[in-house]
Amino acid sequence: MKVHKILGLDLISTFIDGGDVSFTIPEGGGNEFVDDWGIKWRVIDNLPWYVDGSLKTPEDFKNFYPPDPYDEKWFPSCEGVLKLVKDEMAVATLVEGPFTRVWYLTGLQTFLKALYFEPMSLRVLIERMTKFQIELGKGYIDRGVPIVWIDEDLGDVKGPFMRLSVFRENIAPYLKAMVDAFKAKGAKVLIHSDGNVMPLVDDFLSIGLDGLHPIERAAGMDISELKRLYGDRLTLIGNVNQKTVLQDGPLEAIEAQVKECIQDAASGGGYILASDHSIHPGLPAEHVKFMFDIAKKYGVYRRIS
């Protein structure tokens, strides 16, 4: 919260207590451990890195049931942030999409193989996890969170992980069910997806999503083209390169890229400046602060030179 205020941010995101982005690394457990979901992690430089899931067979898929989404254990961080923030910032909460949450449970290769060879068994698991995420998200909205951010990485630098027809048949309906449920309660709904997901953006709009993050520059996502095609219907978030410019600088390059993002995407509104992934521990703090200082300097809706 203090860092958000120092940087002058407009939005703060909370995470699911007990989710895979908010757990505490066990002490004295070596460099690998398995969390409450049966997911294996490897600890490198005191950070957890995904290794594999534990659900590998159609029987595993059918026999897995998610925990109780109404349990109070999921919500303390969200409730604490809402009390601290009051009206100073917008608050969002991350929930996981049907693809991301399920492949974490199975492993990516197992998931993609099952899409083709065991689709009915896999859909049982996707349906159960989608219902869990829907009820979880509704719980956050009921507590006062106005924005739900669906964490759903659907591609890499080469493009989407699956053909468009496969996405539309197996993932899009469940994403739409999540969006419809959250919007019915008055929330705005954003999606986070790394990689080059340009072929999926029309579907994102059909599903009813309000915003796209992080528009990964390193994957070839062109924010000026997104603005031209979708800027009147979709809020664009991100696109400052955290792999190169934010990491290595120099400050002049950071300033130039921030100004470029504002020039390309801010006209008429509908743009939120951010990195093209996250603000992770490996980024120099002075570079991050400089990025937001430049954003405040030039972040007005007018043409800049």
Protein backbone atom coordinates (compact mmCIF):
# COMPACT_ATOMS: atom_id res chain seq x y z
CA MET A 1 0.00 0.00 0.00
CA LYS A 2 2.83 2.42 0.89
CA VAL A 3 4.66 1.62 -2.34
CA HIS A 4 1.48 2.15 -4.36
CA LYS A 5 1.10 5.61 -2.81
CA ILE A 6 4.77 6.50 -3.37
CA LEU A 7 4.46 5.56 -7.03
CA GLY A 8 1.16 7.40 -7.36
CA LEU A 9 -0.74 4.39 -8.69
CA ASP A 10 -4.46 4.49 -9.42
CA LEU A 11 -5.17 0.77 -9.00
CA ILE A 12 -4.22 -1.87 -6.46
CA SER A 13 -4.78 -5.60 -6.97
CA THR A 14 -5.35 -8.16 -4.26
CA PHE A 15 -4.76 -11.89 -4.50
CA ILE A 16 -6.58 -14.95 -3.28
CA ASP A 17 -5.41 -15.95 0.18
CA GLY A 18 -4.20 -19.52 -0.29
CA GLY A 19 -3.88 -19.19 -4.06
CA ASP A 20 -0.69 -20.06 -5.91
CA VAL A 21 0.49 -16.43 -6.00
CA SER A 22 0.03 -15.73 -2.29
CA PHE A 23 1.21 -18.78 -0.37
CA THR A 24 4.11 -18.75 2.08
CA ILE A 25 7.14 -20.82 1.10
CA PRO A 26 7.60 -23.51 3.78
CA GLU A 27 10.71 -23.17 5.92
CA GLY A 28 13.18 -26.02 6.05
CA GLY A 29 11.43 -27.97 3.32
CA GLY A 30 14.26 -27.97 0.78
CA ASN A 31 14.03 -26.46 -2.68
CA GLU A 32 10.83 -28.28 -3.74
CA PHE A 33 7.41 -28.55 -2.13
CA VAL A 34 3.81 -29.44 -2.96
CA ASP A 35 1.03 -26.98 -2.10
CA ASP A 36 -2.52 -27.64 -0.90
CA TRP A 37 -3.71 -28.06 -4.51
CA GLY A 38 -1.21 -30.85 -5.23
CA ILE A 39 0.94 -28.54 -7.37
CA LYS A 40 4.73 -28.98 -7.19
CA TRP A 41 6.93 -25.87 -6.90
CA ARG A 42 10.68 -25.34 -6.96
CA VAL A 43 12.19 -22.50 -4.93
CA ILE A 44 14.89 -20.49 -6.73
CA ASP A 45 16.25 -17.27 -5.20
CA ASN A 46 13.46 -17.45 -2.62
CA LEU A 47 10.78 -17.37 -5.33
CA PRO A 48 8.44 -20.28 -6.18
CA TRP A 49 8.53 -21.60 -9.75
CA TYR A 50 5.92 -23.99 -11.13
CA VAL A 51 7.08 -27.57 -11.78
CA ASP A 52 4.03 -29.75 -12.40
CA GLY A 53 0.49 -30.67 -11.38
CA SER A 54 -0.69 -33.94 -9.90
CA LEU A 55 -3.79 -34.74 -12.00
CA LYS A 56 -2.69 -36.93 -14.89
CA THR A 57 -5.49 -39.33 -15.88
CA PRO A 58 -9.19 -39.08 -16.77
CA GLU A 59 -9.92 -40.71 -13.40
CA ASP A 60 -7.90 -37.98 -11.67
CA PHE A 61 -9.94 -35.32 -13.49
CA LYS A 62 -13.27 -36.87 -12.53
CA ASN A 63 -12.29 -37.47 -8.91
CA PHE A 64 -11.00 -33.96 -8.17
CA TYR A 65 -13.29 -31.53 -6.40
CA PRO A 66 -12.27 -27.96 -5.58
CA PRO A 67 -12.52 -26.64 -2.00
CA ASP A 68 -15.36 -24.55 -0.61
CA PRO A 69 -15.36 -21.14 -2.40
CA TYR A 70 -17.37 -19.60 0.45
CA ASP A 71 -14.72 -20.31 3.10
CA GLU A 72 -13.64 -17.09 4.81
CA LYS A 73 -9.97 -18.09 4.44
CA TRP A 74 -9.90 -16.75 0.87
CA PHE A 75 -10.80 -13.14 1.71
CA PRO A 76 -8.69 -11.53 4.53
CA SER A 77 -6.21 -9.77 2.20
CA CYS A 78 -9.01 -8.34 0.08
CA GLU A 79 -10.90 -7.09 3.12
CA GLY A 80 -7.75 -5.55 4.58
CA VAL A 81 -6.90 -3.70 1.38
CA LEU A 82 -10.44 -2.35 1.03
CA LYS A 83 -10.25 -0.91 4.55
CA LEU A 84 -6.87 0.70 3.90
CA VAL A 85 -7.61 2.07 0.44
CA LYS A 86 -11.09 3.50 1.00
CA ASP A 87 -11.58 5.85 -1.97
CA GLU A 88 -7.90 6.53 -2.71
CA MET A 89 -7.48 3.86 -5.41
CA ALA A 90 -9.49 1.45 -7.47
CA VAL A 91 -9.31 -2.13 -6.19
CA ALA A 92 -9.20 -5.28 -8.28
CA THR A 93 -8.96 -8.94 -7.31
CA LEU A 94 -7.36 -11.66 -9.40
CA VAL A 95 -9.14 -14.94 -10.02
CA GLU A 96 -7.87 -17.61 -12.38
CA GLY A 97 -9.38 -18.52 -15.71
CA PRO A 98 -10.48 -22.02 -16.73
CA PHE A 99 -7.36 -22.72 -18.79
CA THR A 100 -4.76 -21.43 -16.34
CA ARG A 101 -6.23 -22.93 -13.17
CA VAL A 102 -6.79 -26.35 -14.72
CA TRP A 103 -3.45 -26.72 -16.48
CA TYR A 104 -1.72 -25.82 -13.23
CA LEU A 105 -3.49 -28.84 -11.74
CA THR A 106 -2.60 -31.16 -14.63
CA GLY A 107 0.57 -29.78 -16.20
CA LEU A 108 0.43 -28.04 -19.57
CA GLN A 109 1.30 -31.07 -21.71
CA THR A 110 -1.28 -33.23 -19.96
CA PHE A 111 -3.93 -30.53 -20.42
CA LEU A 112 -3.28 -30.02 -24.13
CA LYS A 113 -3.19 -33.76 -24.84
CA ALA A 114 -6.43 -34.24 -22.94
CA LEU A 115 -8.11 -31.54 -25.04
CA TYR A 116 -7.76 -33.83 -28.04
CA PHE A 117 -7.87 -37.33 -26.54
CA GLU A 118 -9.97 -37.02 -23.34
CA PRO A 119 -12.05 -33.86 -23.86
CA MET A 120 -15.13 -34.98 -21.93
CA SER A 121 -13.15 -35.94 -18.82
CA LEU A 122 -11.19 -32.71 -18.98
CA ARG A 123 -14.37 -30.65 -19.30
CA VAL A 124 -15.66 -32.11 -16.04
CA LEU A 125 -12.59 -30.65 -14.34
CA ILE A 126 -12.86 -27.32 -16.21
CA GLU A 127 -16.53 -26.96 -15.27
CA ARG A 128 -15.87 -27.61 -11.58
CA MET A 129 -12.96 -25.17 -11.43
CA THR A 130 -14.90 -22.52 -13.37
CA LYS A 131 -17.78 -22.73 -10.89
CA PHE A 132 -15.27 -22.42 -8.04
CA GLN A 133 -13.68 -19.29 -9.56
CA ILE A 134 -17.11 -17.76 -10.27
CA GLU A 135 -18.26 -18.16 -6.67
CA LEU A 136 -14.91 -16.90 -5.41
CA GLY A 137 -15.10 -13.82 -7.64
CA LYS A 138 -18.67 -13.12 -6.55
CA GLY A 139 -17.47 -13.26 -2.95
CA TYR A 140 -14.94 -10.52 -3.66
CA ILE A 141 -17.53 -8.39 -5.44
CA ASP A 142 -19.92 -8.79 -2.51
CA ARG A 143 -17.17 -7.48 -0.22
CA GLY A 144 -16.83 -4.31 -2.28
CA VAL A 145 -14.32 -5.09 -5.04
CA PRO A 146 -15.48 -3.38 -8.26
CA ILE A 147 -13.02 -4.99 -10.70
CA VAL A 148 -12.29 -8.67 -11.29
CA TRP A 149 -9.07 -9.49 -13.10
CA ILE A 150 -9.03 -12.93 -14.73
CA ASP A 151 -5.52 -14.39 -14.80
CA GLU A 152 -5.53 -16.46 -18.00
CA ASP A 153 -2.26 -16.79 -19.95
CA LEU A 154 -3.37 -18.05 -23.35
CA GLY A 155 -0.24 -17.66 -25.45
CA ASP A 156 3.50 -17.25 -25.78
CA VAL A 157 5.69 -15.11 -28.02
CA LYS A 158 4.66 -17.15 -31.08
CA GLY A 159 0.90 -16.83 -30.59
CA PRO A 160 -1.97 -18.61 -28.82
CA PHE A 161 -1.34 -22.01 -27.24
CA MET A 162 -4.18 -23.58 -29.22
CA ARG A 163 -6.04 -23.16 -32.50
CA LEU A 164 -8.84 -20.62 -32.48
CA SER A 165 -11.45 -23.34 -33.03
CA VAL A 166 -10.15 -25.27 -29.99
CA PHE A 167 -10.20 -22.12 -27.85
CA ARG A 168 -13.75 -21.30 -28.91
CA GLU A 169 -15.02 -24.80 -28.17
CA ASN A 170 -13.16 -25.57 -24.95
CA ILE A 171 -12.20 -22.34 -23.18
CA ALA A 172 -14.29 -19.40 -24.40
CA PRO A 173 -17.64 -20.68 -23.06
CA TYR A 174 -16.23 -20.97 -19.55
CA LEU A 175 -14.58 -17.56 -19.72
CA LYS A 176 -17.90 -16.11 -20.86
CA ALA A 177 -19.69 -17.77 -17.93
CA MET A 178 -17.24 -16.07 -15.56
CA VAL A 179 -17.60 -12.67 -17.23
CA ASP A 180 -21.41 -12.90 -17.30
CA ALA A 181 -21.55 -13.83 -13.60
CA PHE A 182 -19.26 -10.98 -12.53
CA LYS A 183 -20.95 -8.39 -14.74
CA ALA A 184 -24.36 -9.44 -13.43
CA LYS A 185 -23.15 -8.22 -10.05
CA GLY A 186 -21.97 -4.90 -11.48
CA ALA A 187 -18.23 -5.53 -11.76
CA LYS A 188 -15.86 -4.60 -14.57
CA VAL A 189 -13.87 -7.58 -15.86
CA LEU A 190 -10.30 -7.50 -17.17
CA ILE A 191 -8.11 -10.29 -18.51
CA HIS A 192 -4.39 -10.82 -18.01
CA SER A 193 -2.80 -12.86 -20.78
CA ASP A 194 0.87 -12.89 -21.65
CA GLY A 195 2.05 -13.70 -25.13
CA ASN A 196 0.80 -12.70 -28.55
CA VAL A 197 -2.96 -13.07 -28.18
CA MET A 198 -3.88 -10.76 -31.05
CA PRO A 199 -5.87 -13.56 -32.79
CA LEU A 200 -8.07 -13.85 -29.68
CA VAL A 201 -9.01 -10.21 -29.15
CA ASP A 202 -12.23 -10.35 -31.19
CA ASP A 203 -13.29 -13.27 -29.01
CA PHE A 204 -12.38 -11.34 -25.85
CA LEU A 205 -14.83 -8.66 -26.95
CA SER A 206 -17.53 -11.22 -27.78
CA ILE A 207 -17.06 -12.75 -24.34
CA GLY A 208 -17.69 -9.30 -22.83
CA LEU A 209 -14.29 -8.42 -21.36
CA ASP A 210 -13.69 -4.75 -20.54
CA GLY A 211 -9.89 -4.60 -20.62
CA LEU A 212 -6.73 -6.39 -21.78
CA HIS A 213 -3.42 -6.64 -19.89
CA PRO A 214 -0.40 -6.64 -20.30
CA ILE A 215 -0.08 -6.24 -24.12
CA GLU A 216 3.35 -7.88 -24.11
CA ARG A 217 5.65 -5.87 -26.34
CA ALA A 218 8.29 -8.64 -26.30
CA ALA A 219 5.69 -10.98 -27.85
CA GLY A 220 4.93 -8.61 -30.70
CA MET A 221 1.74 -7.07 -29.32
CA ASP A 222 1.28 -3.76 -31.15
CA ILE A 223 -0.58 -1.32 -28.91
CA SER A 224 -1.10 1.22 -31.69
CA GLU A 225 -2.86 -1.43 -33.79
CA LEU A 226 -4.95 -2.51 -30.80
CA LYS A 227 -5.93 1.10 -30.22
CA ARG A 228 -6.90 1.53 -33.87
CA LEU A 229 -8.99 -1.63 -33.99
CA TYR A 230 -10.44 -1.85 -30.47
CA GLY A 231 -9.68 1.34 -28.56
CA ASP A 232 -13.30 2.44 -28.38
CA ARG A 233 -14.41 -0.92 -26.91
CA LEU A 234 -11.52 -2.24 -24.84
CA THR A 235 -9.36 -0.67 -22.13
CA LEU A 236 -5.69 -1.27 -22.91
CA ILE A 237 -3.25 -1.82 -20.02
CA GLY A 238 0.54 -2.12 -20.19
CA ASN A 239 3.09 -2.40 -23.05
CA VAL A 240 6.22 -0.89 -21.39
CA ASN A 241 8.86 -3.58 -21.97
CA GLN A 242 9.93 -5.07 -18.63
CA LYS A 243 12.36 -7.57 -20.20
CA THR A 244 14.61 -4.92 -21.74
CA VAL A 245 13.82 -1.26 -21.21
CA LEU A 246 12.59 -1.39 -17.60
CA GLN A 247 15.29 -3.91 -16.73
CA ASP A 248 18.31 -2.34 -18.41
CA GLY A 249 17.41 1.30 -19.03
CA PRO A 250 18.84 3.80 -19.64
CA LEU A 251 16.38 6.35 -18.28
CA GLU A 252 16.15 8.03 -21.68
CA ALA A 253 14.90 4.77 -23.21
CA ILE A 254 12.30 4.35 -20.46
CA GLU A 255 11.07 7.90 -21.01
CA ALA A 256 10.87 7.38 -24.77
CA GLN A 257 8.85 4.18 -24.44
CA VAL A 258 6.44 5.63 -21.87
CA LYS A 259 5.84 8.60 -24.16
CA GLU A 260 5.35 6.23 -27.10
CA CYS A 261 2.71 4.23 -25.21
CA ILE A 262 0.85 7.40 -24.24
CA GLN A 263 1.08 8.71 -27.79
CA ASP A 264 -0.18 5.46 -29.30
CA ALA A 265 -2.88 4.47 -26.82
CA ALA A 266 -4.04 7.30 -24.58
CA SER A 267 -5.89 9.49 -27.08
CA GLY A 268 -9.57 9.65 -26.15
CA GLY A 269 -9.06 7.67 -22.95
CA GLY A 270 -9.09 3.95 -22.37
CA TYR A 271 -5.39 3.41 -21.59
CA ILE A 272 -3.71 2.50 -18.29
CA LEU A 273 0.08 2.74 -18.35
CA ALA A 274 1.91 -0.26 -16.90
CA SER A 275 4.69 -2.68 -17.74
CA ASP A 276 4.06 -5.43 -20.28
CA HIS A 277 4.01 -8.08 -17.55
CA SER A 278 4.50 -7.07 -13.91
CA ILE A 279 6.69 -5.16 -11.48
CA HIS A 280 8.79 -8.09 -10.32
CA PRO A 281 11.64 -8.15 -7.76
CA GLY A 282 14.32 -8.23 -10.46
CA LEU A 283 13.50 -4.75 -11.79
CA PRO A 284 15.61 -1.83 -10.51
CA ALA A 285 13.42 0.25 -8.20
CA GLU A 286 14.72 3.50 -9.66
CA HIS A 287 13.61 2.42 -13.14
CA VAL A 288 10.12 1.58 -11.93
CA LYS A 289 9.71 4.88 -10.09
CA PHE A 290 11.05 6.78 -13.09
CA MET A 291 8.51 5.08 -15.38
CA PHE A 292 5.60 6.23 -13.24
CA ASP A 293 7.09 9.71 -12.76
CA ILE A 294 7.27 10.10 -16.54
CA ALA A 295 3.73 8.76 -16.84
CA LYS A 296 2.51 11.46 -14.46
CA LYS A 297 4.45 14.09 -16.39
CA TYR A 298 3.05 13.16 -19.79
CA GLY A 299 -0.06 11.21 -18.83
CA VAL A 300 -2.60 13.68 -20.06
CA TYR A 301 -4.85 13.22 -23.04
CA ARG A 302 -3.10 15.43 -25.53
CA ARG A 303 -0.53 14.92 -28.26
CA ILE A 304 3.06 14.89 -26.98
CA SER A 305 6.23 15.60 -28.93
